[in-house]
Structure formats: structure tokens, C-alpha cells
């Protein structure tokens, strides 16, 4: 099937390429932020760099698992630390290290990039509604994850300057 001059499968592959670009940018930024800044909370931000890094990871896990139950959530124990509404101020356990979070984000990138265009074009097993946005396919969930990574990349860069 065609959409304009682009095949539907090509759209899916472009979504994967965009995710790879976005996630690589996140990984480079996180690796370049000195670990001494990871737990500082600038007064104008509700959380820390560590929280934002873990939040990107767990959000992708949850959104992709809801869209595709075959996508297995790794580190489900991180959800209580990093999902929306959580705060580093309420952590009762030691959070994952910088290295553990970066490694998890790298492995997650590898797992996501194994999706085929056929996988991405599947209807989501659970339509997710995020404000006025409804995610009806696995690809829509991936596109949300890509947007979410970019959003938090900007937050990370702003936080680094103020820490």
C-alpha cells in the first residue's frame, strides 16, 4: 500500500531510523553528563537527571508492552522509581547507577530495532490515550517513544547547564 510516494513499510523503517537517531542522541548526552550532576535537582525542575534517564527507559518499556504484549518489560522493578508521578525524593531504595541505566537504554534500543515493518503496522493490543492523542498501532507507540526521548533530551541538556 502506498501513502503518496512512500510504501507503508518504508514509513515503518523511517520510524525505526528516527528512533535510532533520537536514542543515540540521548545516549551520547547521558554519557557526557558527569555523574556528579545526576542526582542534583535544579530549583526549576521537578526531578533529577537520573530520574529523567530512568523515566525515558521505563516509559518506552510500558508503552511498547501495552501496544505489543510480545515486547517484554525488562527491569519492571524500575517502574515504581521512574514512571510518571514518581519522584526521587520518595525513593526508598537505591536507584540504578548511571552505568546500569545507560546499559539498559542501549539494550532497549537494540531490542526495539529488531522490529520489522510488519510488527510495527500491527494494531496495538491496547490503545493508549495520552491526553488528546490515541496510539492505535505499535508504530504509533514507537513514534510516541521517539518524541518522548527528544522531549527529555532537551530537559537533560537544560538541567546539565543549571546543575
N, C-alpha and C. Protein backbone atom coordinates (compact mmCIF):
# COMPACT_ATOMS: atom_id res chain seq x y z
N UNK A 1 0.84 -1.17 0.00
CA UNK A 1 0.00 0.00 0.00
C UNK A 1 0.89 1.24 0.00
N UNK A 2 0.44 2.27 -0.73
CA UNK A 2 1.23 3.49 -0.82
C UNK A 2 0.53 4.64 -0.10
N UNK A 3 1.33 5.51 0.47
CA UNK A 3 0.89 6.78 1.02
C UNK A 3 1.71 7.82 0.29
N UNK A 4 1.12 8.50 -0.67
CA UNK A 4 1.90 9.40 -1.51
C UNK A 4 2.88 8.57 -2.31
N UNK A 5 4.15 8.91 -2.26
CA UNK A 5 5.19 8.16 -2.97
C UNK A 5 5.90 7.15 -2.08
N UNK A 6 5.44 7.00 -0.84
CA UNK A 6 6.14 6.14 0.11
C UNK A 6 5.32 4.90 0.42
N UNK A 7 5.95 3.74 0.38
CA UNK A 7 5.30 2.49 0.77
C UNK A 7 5.09 2.50 2.28
N UNK A 8 4.02 1.86 2.75
CA UNK A 8 3.75 1.79 4.18
C UNK A 8 4.94 1.19 4.93
N UNK A 9 5.53 0.12 4.43
CA UNK A 9 6.69 -0.48 5.09
C UNK A 9 7.85 0.49 5.22
N UNK A 10 7.99 1.40 4.24
CA UNK A 10 9.05 2.40 4.30
C UNK A 10 8.80 3.38 5.44
N UNK A 11 7.54 3.71 5.69
CA UNK A 11 7.22 4.60 6.80
C UNK A 11 7.69 3.96 8.09
N UNK A 12 7.41 2.67 8.25
CA UNK A 12 7.83 1.96 9.46
C UNK A 12 9.34 1.99 9.62
N UNK A 13 10.06 1.77 8.53
CA UNK A 13 11.51 1.77 8.61
C UNK A 13 12.02 3.17 8.95
N UNK A 14 11.35 4.20 8.44
CA UNK A 14 11.74 5.56 8.79
C UNK A 14 11.49 5.82 10.28
N UNK A 15 10.42 5.25 10.81
CA UNK A 15 10.15 5.39 12.25
C UNK A 15 11.26 4.76 13.07
N UNK A 16 11.74 3.60 12.63
CA UNK A 16 12.85 2.94 13.33
C UNK A 16 14.13 3.77 13.23
N UNK A 17 14.39 4.34 12.05
CA UNK A 17 15.58 5.17 11.88
C UNK A 17 15.51 6.42 12.75
N UNK A 18 14.32 7.01 12.83
CA UNK A 18 14.16 8.21 13.66
C UNK A 18 14.35 7.86 15.14
N UNK A 19 13.81 6.70 15.56
CA UNK A 19 14.02 6.27 16.94
C UNK A 19 15.51 6.06 17.20
N UNK A 20 16.21 5.39 16.29
CA UNK A 20 17.64 5.11 16.47
C UNK A 20 18.42 6.42 16.62
N UNK A 21 18.08 7.40 15.80
CA UNK A 21 18.76 8.70 15.86
C UNK A 21 18.49 9.38 17.21
N UNK A 22 17.22 9.39 17.60
CA UNK A 22 16.84 10.03 18.86
C UNK A 22 17.51 9.35 20.05
N UNK A 23 17.45 8.03 20.09
CA UNK A 23 18.02 7.30 21.23
C UNK A 23 19.54 7.45 21.27
N UNK A 24 20.19 7.44 20.11
CA UNK A 24 21.64 7.64 20.07
C UNK A 24 22.00 9.01 20.65
N UNK A 25 21.21 10.02 20.31
CA UNK A 25 21.44 11.37 20.84
C UNK A 25 21.29 11.38 22.36
N UNK A 26 20.28 10.68 22.87
CA UNK A 26 20.07 10.58 24.32
C UNK A 26 21.27 9.90 24.97
N UNK A 27 21.72 8.80 24.40
CA UNK A 27 22.84 8.05 24.97
C UNK A 27 24.12 8.87 25.00
N UNK A 28 24.39 9.59 23.93
CA UNK A 28 25.58 10.45 23.89
C UNK A 28 25.50 11.51 24.98
N UNK A 29 24.33 12.14 25.09
CA UNK A 29 24.16 13.19 26.11
C UNK A 29 24.37 12.62 27.51
N UNK A 30 23.74 11.49 27.80
CA UNK A 30 23.86 10.90 29.14
C UNK A 30 25.30 10.51 29.46
N UNK A 31 26.00 9.94 28.48
CA UNK A 31 27.39 9.55 28.71
C UNK A 31 28.27 10.76 28.98
N UNK A 32 27.91 11.90 28.40
CA UNK A 32 28.72 13.10 28.55
C UNK A 32 28.40 13.92 29.80
N UNK A 33 27.32 13.59 30.49
CA UNK A 33 26.97 14.32 31.71
C UNK A 33 27.71 13.68 32.88
N UNK A 34 28.50 14.46 33.56
CA UNK A 34 29.27 13.97 34.70
C UNK A 34 28.32 13.38 35.74
N UNK A 35 28.69 12.22 36.25
CA UNK A 35 27.82 11.53 37.21
C UNK A 35 27.56 12.36 38.47
N UNK A 36 28.45 13.28 38.78
CA UNK A 36 28.24 14.13 39.96
C UNK A 36 27.01 15.02 39.82
N UNK A 37 26.53 15.19 38.59
CA UNK A 37 25.33 16.00 38.34
C UNK A 37 24.04 15.18 38.30
N UNK A 38 24.15 13.87 38.26
CA UNK A 38 22.98 13.02 38.04
C UNK A 38 21.93 13.09 39.15
N UNK A 39 22.33 13.45 40.35
CA UNK A 39 21.37 13.47 41.46
C UNK A 39 21.08 14.88 41.98
N UNK A 40 21.55 15.88 41.27
CA UNK A 40 21.23 17.26 41.63
C UNK A 40 19.86 17.62 41.05
N UNK A 41 19.08 18.36 41.81
CA UNK A 41 17.79 18.82 41.32
C UNK A 41 17.80 20.35 41.26
N UNK A 42 17.95 20.90 40.06
CA UNK A 42 17.88 22.36 39.94
C UNK A 42 16.51 22.85 40.42
N UNK A 43 16.47 24.03 40.99
CA UNK A 43 15.23 24.53 41.58
C UNK A 43 14.08 24.66 40.58
N UNK A 44 14.39 24.82 39.32
CA UNK A 44 13.33 24.99 38.32
C UNK A 44 12.87 23.66 37.69
N UNK A 45 13.35 22.53 38.21
CA UNK A 45 12.99 21.22 37.66
C UNK A 45 12.42 20.33 38.77
N UNK A 46 11.44 19.50 38.43
CA UNK A 46 10.82 18.65 39.45
C UNK A 46 11.60 17.38 39.78
N UNK A 47 12.62 17.06 39.00
CA UNK A 47 13.35 15.81 39.21
C UNK A 47 14.81 15.97 38.82
N UNK A 48 15.53 14.86 38.80
CA UNK A 48 16.97 14.86 38.55
C UNK A 48 17.28 14.26 37.17
N UNK A 49 18.52 14.35 36.79
CA UNK A 49 18.97 13.72 35.54
C UNK A 49 18.78 12.21 35.63
N UNK A 50 19.12 11.61 36.77
CA UNK A 50 18.94 10.16 36.93
C UNK A 50 17.47 9.78 36.74
N UNK A 51 16.57 10.55 37.35
CA UNK A 51 15.14 10.25 37.21
C UNK A 51 14.72 10.35 35.74
N UNK A 52 15.13 11.40 35.04
CA UNK A 52 14.76 11.57 33.64
C UNK A 52 15.28 10.44 32.77
N UNK A 53 16.51 10.00 33.03
CA UNK A 53 17.09 8.89 32.25
C UNK A 53 16.30 7.61 32.48
N UNK A 54 16.02 7.30 33.73
CA UNK A 54 15.23 6.10 34.04
C UNK A 54 13.80 6.22 33.54
N UNK A 55 13.27 7.43 33.58
CA UNK A 55 11.90 7.67 33.10
C UNK A 55 11.79 7.40 31.60
N UNK A 56 12.77 7.82 30.82
CA UNK A 56 12.74 7.53 29.38
C UNK A 56 12.72 6.02 29.16
N UNK A 57 13.53 5.32 29.92
CA UNK A 57 13.61 3.86 29.77
C UNK A 57 12.28 3.20 30.10
N UNK A 58 11.73 3.47 31.28
CA UNK A 58 10.54 2.74 31.71
C UNK A 58 9.31 3.15 30.91
N UNK A 59 9.25 4.40 30.47
CA UNK A 59 8.12 4.83 29.64
C UNK A 59 8.10 4.05 28.33
N UNK A 60 9.26 3.89 27.71
CA UNK A 60 9.33 3.10 26.47
C UNK A 60 8.91 1.66 26.72
N UNK A 61 9.38 1.08 27.82
CA UNK A 61 9.02 -0.30 28.14
C UNK A 61 7.51 -0.45 28.28
N UNK A 62 6.89 0.43 29.04
CA UNK A 62 5.46 0.33 29.32
C UNK A 62 4.63 0.58 28.06
N UNK A 63 4.95 1.62 27.31
CA UNK A 63 4.17 1.94 26.11
C UNK A 63 4.28 0.84 25.06
N UNK A 64 5.48 0.33 24.85
CA UNK A 64 5.65 -0.72 23.83
C UNK A 64 5.03 -2.04 24.28
N UNK A 65 5.08 -2.35 25.55
CA UNK A 65 4.46 -3.57 26.05
C UNK A 65 2.94 -3.51 25.95
N UNK A 66 2.37 -2.34 26.21
CA UNK A 66 0.91 -2.21 26.08
C UNK A 66 0.48 -2.31 24.62
N UNK A 67 1.31 -1.83 23.72
CA UNK A 67 0.99 -1.92 22.29
C UNK A 67 1.22 -3.32 21.76
N UNK A 68 2.25 -3.98 22.27
CA UNK A 68 2.64 -5.31 21.80
C UNK A 68 3.04 -6.18 22.99
N UNK A 69 2.14 -7.06 23.44
CA UNK A 69 2.45 -7.89 24.61
C UNK A 69 3.67 -8.80 24.42
N UNK A 70 4.12 -9.00 23.17
CA UNK A 70 5.33 -9.78 22.93
C UNK A 70 6.59 -8.99 23.28
N UNK A 71 6.45 -7.68 23.45
CA UNK A 71 7.58 -6.86 23.89
C UNK A 71 7.64 -6.98 25.41
N UNK A 72 8.68 -7.64 25.90
CA UNK A 72 8.80 -7.93 27.33
C UNK A 72 9.43 -6.76 28.07
N UNK A 73 8.79 -6.36 29.16
CA UNK A 73 9.34 -5.30 30.00
C UNK A 73 10.52 -5.85 30.78
N UNK A 74 11.67 -5.25 30.59
CA UNK A 74 12.86 -5.58 31.37
C UNK A 74 12.94 -4.56 32.51
N UNK A 75 13.44 -4.96 33.61
CA UNK A 75 13.53 -4.12 34.80
C UNK A 75 12.17 -3.57 35.24
N UNK A 76 11.16 -4.42 35.37
CA UNK A 76 9.85 -3.92 35.82
C UNK A 76 9.92 -3.27 37.19
N UNK A 77 10.93 -3.62 37.97
CA UNK A 77 11.10 -3.03 39.30
C UNK A 77 11.43 -1.54 39.24
N UNK A 78 11.86 -1.07 38.08
CA UNK A 78 12.17 0.36 37.93
C UNK A 78 10.92 1.21 37.78
N UNK A 79 9.80 0.58 37.47
CA UNK A 79 8.57 1.35 37.24
C UNK A 79 8.23 2.20 38.46
N UNK A 80 8.35 1.66 39.65
CA UNK A 80 7.99 2.41 40.86
C UNK A 80 8.95 3.57 41.13
N UNK A 81 10.09 3.58 40.47
CA UNK A 81 11.05 4.67 40.63
C UNK A 81 10.86 5.78 39.59
N UNK A 82 10.49 5.38 38.36
CA UNK A 82 10.61 6.31 37.24
C UNK A 82 9.33 6.61 36.46
N UNK A 83 8.23 5.96 36.74
CA UNK A 83 7.03 6.21 35.94
C UNK A 83 6.47 7.59 36.29
N UNK A 84 5.64 8.15 35.42
CA UNK A 84 5.02 9.45 35.69
C UNK A 84 4.45 9.50 37.10
N UNK A 85 4.66 10.61 37.76
CA UNK A 85 4.12 10.80 39.10
C UNK A 85 5.07 10.40 40.21
N UNK A 86 6.19 9.76 39.86
CA UNK A 86 7.16 9.39 40.89
C UNK A 86 8.16 10.53 41.09
N UNK A 87 8.89 10.44 42.16
CA UNK A 87 9.89 11.46 42.47
C UNK A 87 11.08 10.81 43.17
N UNK A 88 12.25 11.30 42.84
CA UNK A 88 13.46 10.82 43.51
C UNK A 88 13.41 11.10 45.01
N UNK A 89 12.61 12.06 45.41
CA UNK A 89 12.51 12.41 46.83
C UNK A 89 11.78 11.34 47.64
N UNK A 90 11.07 10.45 46.95
CA UNK A 90 10.29 9.41 47.63
C UNK A 90 10.88 8.01 47.48
N UNK A 91 12.07 7.92 46.89
CA UNK A 91 12.68 6.61 46.70
C UNK A 91 13.05 6.00 48.05
N UNK A 92 12.69 4.74 48.23
CA UNK A 92 13.01 4.02 49.46
C UNK A 92 14.15 3.03 49.25
N UNK A 93 14.61 2.92 48.03
CA UNK A 93 15.71 2.01 47.71
C UNK A 93 16.72 2.74 46.85
N UNK A 94 17.88 2.15 46.75
CA UNK A 94 18.94 2.72 45.93
C UNK A 94 18.55 2.62 44.46
N UNK A 95 18.60 3.72 43.71
CA UNK A 95 18.25 3.66 42.29
C UNK A 95 19.38 3.02 41.48
N UNK A 96 19.09 2.63 40.25
CA UNK A 96 20.16 2.09 39.40
C UNK A 96 21.25 3.15 39.15
N UNK A 97 22.45 2.66 38.92
CA UNK A 97 23.58 3.55 38.65
C UNK A 97 23.48 4.14 37.25
N UNK A 98 24.30 5.13 37.01
CA UNK A 98 24.40 5.72 35.67
C UNK A 98 24.70 4.63 34.65
N UNK A 99 25.65 3.77 34.96
CA UNK A 99 26.05 2.71 34.02
C UNK A 99 24.89 1.74 33.77
N UNK A 100 24.16 1.39 34.81
CA UNK A 100 23.04 0.46 34.65
C UNK A 100 21.94 1.06 33.78
N UNK A 101 21.64 2.33 33.98
CA UNK A 101 20.59 2.97 33.18
C UNK A 101 21.04 3.09 31.73
N UNK A 102 22.25 3.54 31.50
CA UNK A 102 22.75 3.68 30.12
C UNK A 102 22.78 2.31 29.44
N UNK A 103 23.25 1.30 30.13
CA UNK A 103 23.27 -0.06 29.56
C UNK A 103 21.84 -0.51 29.21
N UNK A 104 20.89 -0.26 30.08
CA UNK A 104 19.51 -0.66 29.82
C UNK A 104 18.95 0.09 28.61
N UNK A 105 19.25 1.38 28.49
CA UNK A 105 18.80 2.16 27.33
C UNK A 105 19.43 1.64 26.04
N UNK A 106 20.70 1.25 26.09
CA UNK A 106 21.37 0.69 24.90
C UNK A 106 20.72 -0.64 24.50
N UNK A 107 20.50 -1.51 25.47
CA UNK A 107 19.89 -2.82 25.18
C UNK A 107 18.46 -2.64 24.68
N UNK A 108 17.75 -1.69 25.26
CA UNK A 108 16.38 -1.41 24.82
C UNK A 108 16.39 -0.96 23.35
N UNK A 109 17.33 -0.11 23.00
CA UNK A 109 17.46 0.34 21.61
C UNK A 109 17.65 -0.86 20.69
N UNK A 110 18.53 -1.77 21.06
CA UNK A 110 18.77 -2.97 20.24
C UNK A 110 17.49 -3.79 20.09
N UNK A 111 16.74 -3.97 21.18
CA UNK A 111 15.51 -4.76 21.12
C UNK A 111 14.47 -4.09 20.23
N UNK A 112 14.34 -2.78 20.35
CA UNK A 112 13.34 -2.06 19.55
C UNK A 112 13.71 -2.11 18.07
N UNK A 113 14.98 -2.03 17.75
CA UNK A 113 15.40 -2.02 16.34
C UNK A 113 15.24 -3.38 15.67
N UNK A 114 14.88 -4.42 16.42
CA UNK A 114 14.60 -5.71 15.79
C UNK A 114 13.18 -5.79 15.24
N UNK A 115 12.37 -4.78 15.51
CA UNK A 115 11.01 -4.77 14.96
C UNK A 115 11.07 -4.74 13.44
N UNK A 116 10.17 -5.43 12.80
CA UNK A 116 10.02 -5.37 11.35
C UNK A 116 8.87 -4.43 11.03
N UNK A 117 8.77 -4.04 9.77
CA UNK A 117 7.66 -3.17 9.38
C UNK A 117 6.32 -3.88 9.61
N UNK A 118 6.28 -5.20 9.45
CA UNK A 118 5.05 -5.95 9.70
C UNK A 118 4.66 -5.86 11.18
N UNK A 119 5.65 -5.96 12.07
CA UNK A 119 5.38 -5.83 13.50
C UNK A 119 4.84 -4.44 13.83
N UNK A 120 5.45 -3.43 13.26
CA UNK A 120 5.08 -2.06 13.58
C UNK A 120 3.69 -1.70 13.07
N UNK A 121 3.29 -2.31 11.97
CA UNK A 121 1.99 -1.99 11.39
C UNK A 121 0.83 -2.70 12.08
N UNK A 122 1.11 -3.55 13.06
CA UNK A 122 0.05 -4.25 13.77
C UNK A 122 -0.74 -3.27 14.63
N UNK A 123 -2.04 -3.58 14.76
CA UNK A 123 -2.85 -2.82 15.70
C UNK A 123 -2.32 -3.05 17.11
N UNK A 124 -2.37 -2.02 17.91
CA UNK A 124 -1.94 -2.15 19.31
C UNK A 124 -2.91 -3.07 20.04
N UNK A 125 -2.39 -3.90 20.92
CA UNK A 125 -3.27 -4.77 21.70
C UNK A 125 -4.09 -3.95 22.69
N UNK A 126 -3.57 -2.80 23.06
CA UNK A 126 -4.28 -1.88 23.94
C UNK A 126 -4.03 -0.47 23.43
N UNK A 127 -5.08 0.19 22.95
CA UNK A 127 -4.93 1.57 22.50
C UNK A 127 -4.62 2.43 23.72
N UNK A 128 -3.57 3.19 23.60
CA UNK A 128 -3.19 4.08 24.70
C UNK A 128 -3.62 5.49 24.36
N UNK A 129 -4.20 6.15 25.32
CA UNK A 129 -4.62 7.53 25.14
C UNK A 129 -3.74 8.39 26.04
N UNK A 130 -3.08 9.32 25.41
CA UNK A 130 -2.20 10.25 26.12
C UNK A 130 -2.71 11.65 25.83
N UNK A 131 -3.42 12.21 26.77
CA UNK A 131 -4.13 13.48 26.58
C UNK A 131 -5.06 13.32 25.38
N UNK A 132 -4.90 14.10 24.32
CA UNK A 132 -5.80 14.01 23.17
C UNK A 132 -5.27 13.06 22.10
N UNK A 133 -4.18 12.38 22.37
CA UNK A 133 -3.53 11.51 21.39
C UNK A 133 -3.88 10.05 21.66
N UNK A 134 -4.35 9.35 20.63
CA UNK A 134 -4.63 7.91 20.75
C UNK A 134 -3.62 7.14 19.92
N UNK A 135 -3.00 6.14 20.53
CA UNK A 135 -1.98 5.34 19.87
C UNK A 135 -2.59 3.99 19.52
N UNK A 136 -2.93 3.80 18.24
CA UNK A 136 -3.67 2.62 17.80
C UNK A 136 -2.80 1.51 17.23
N UNK A 137 -1.52 1.79 16.97
CA UNK A 137 -0.64 0.78 16.39
C UNK A 137 0.66 0.71 17.19
N UNK A 138 1.40 -0.35 16.95
CA UNK A 138 2.72 -0.48 17.57
C UNK A 138 3.61 0.67 17.09
N UNK A 139 3.50 1.00 15.81
CA UNK A 139 4.31 2.09 15.28
C UNK A 139 3.97 3.42 15.95
N UNK A 140 2.70 3.66 16.22
CA UNK A 140 2.31 4.90 16.91
C UNK A 140 2.95 4.95 18.30
N UNK A 141 2.99 3.81 18.99
CA UNK A 141 3.64 3.76 20.30
C UNK A 141 5.13 4.07 20.16
N UNK A 142 5.77 3.51 19.12
CA UNK A 142 7.19 3.79 18.88
C UNK A 142 7.40 5.27 18.57
N UNK A 143 6.53 5.86 17.77
CA UNK A 143 6.66 7.28 17.46
C UNK A 143 6.50 8.13 18.72
N UNK A 144 5.60 7.72 19.62
CA UNK A 144 5.48 8.43 20.90
C UNK A 144 6.78 8.32 21.69
N UNK A 145 7.34 7.12 21.75
CA UNK A 145 8.60 6.90 22.48
C UNK A 145 9.70 7.79 21.91
N UNK A 146 9.76 7.90 20.59
CA UNK A 146 10.77 8.74 19.94
C UNK A 146 10.58 10.21 20.32
N UNK A 147 9.33 10.68 20.27
CA UNK A 147 9.02 12.05 20.67
C UNK A 147 9.40 12.26 22.14
N UNK A 148 9.04 11.30 22.98
CA UNK A 148 9.30 11.38 24.42
C UNK A 148 10.80 11.45 24.70
N UNK A 149 11.60 10.65 23.99
CA UNK A 149 13.06 10.72 24.14
C UNK A 149 13.56 12.12 23.80
N UNK A 150 13.07 12.68 22.69
CA UNK A 150 13.51 14.02 22.28
C UNK A 150 13.13 15.08 23.30
N UNK A 151 11.94 14.97 23.84
CA UNK A 151 11.48 15.90 24.87
C UNK A 151 12.41 15.87 26.08
N UNK A 152 12.70 14.67 26.56
CA UNK A 152 13.56 14.54 27.74
C UNK A 152 15.02 14.83 27.43
N UNK A 153 15.44 14.67 26.18
CA UNK A 153 16.80 15.07 25.81
C UNK A 153 16.97 16.57 26.03
N UNK A 154 15.97 17.34 25.62
CA UNK A 154 16.01 18.79 25.86
C UNK A 154 16.04 19.12 27.34
N UNK A 155 15.25 18.39 28.12
CA UNK A 155 15.25 18.60 29.57
C UNK A 155 16.63 18.29 30.15
N UNK A 156 17.21 17.16 29.72
CA UNK A 156 18.54 16.78 30.22
C UNK A 156 19.58 17.86 29.94
N UNK A 157 19.56 18.38 28.72
CA UNK A 157 20.55 19.39 28.34
C UNK A 157 20.35 20.68 29.14
N UNK A 158 19.09 21.04 29.38
CA UNK A 158 18.82 22.22 30.20
C UNK A 158 19.25 21.99 31.64
N UNK A 159 18.98 20.81 32.16
CA UNK A 159 19.36 20.50 33.54
C UNK A 159 20.88 20.52 33.70
N UNK A 160 21.57 19.96 32.72
CA UNK A 160 23.04 19.91 32.82
C UNK A 160 23.62 21.31 32.95
N UNK A 161 23.04 22.26 32.24
CA UNK A 161 23.55 23.64 32.28
C UNK A 161 23.29 24.31 33.63
N UNK A 162 22.25 23.86 34.33
CA UNK A 162 21.90 24.52 35.59
C UNK A 162 22.37 23.76 36.83
N UNK A 163 22.88 22.53 36.64
CA UNK A 163 23.35 21.74 37.80
C UNK A 163 24.70 22.23 38.30
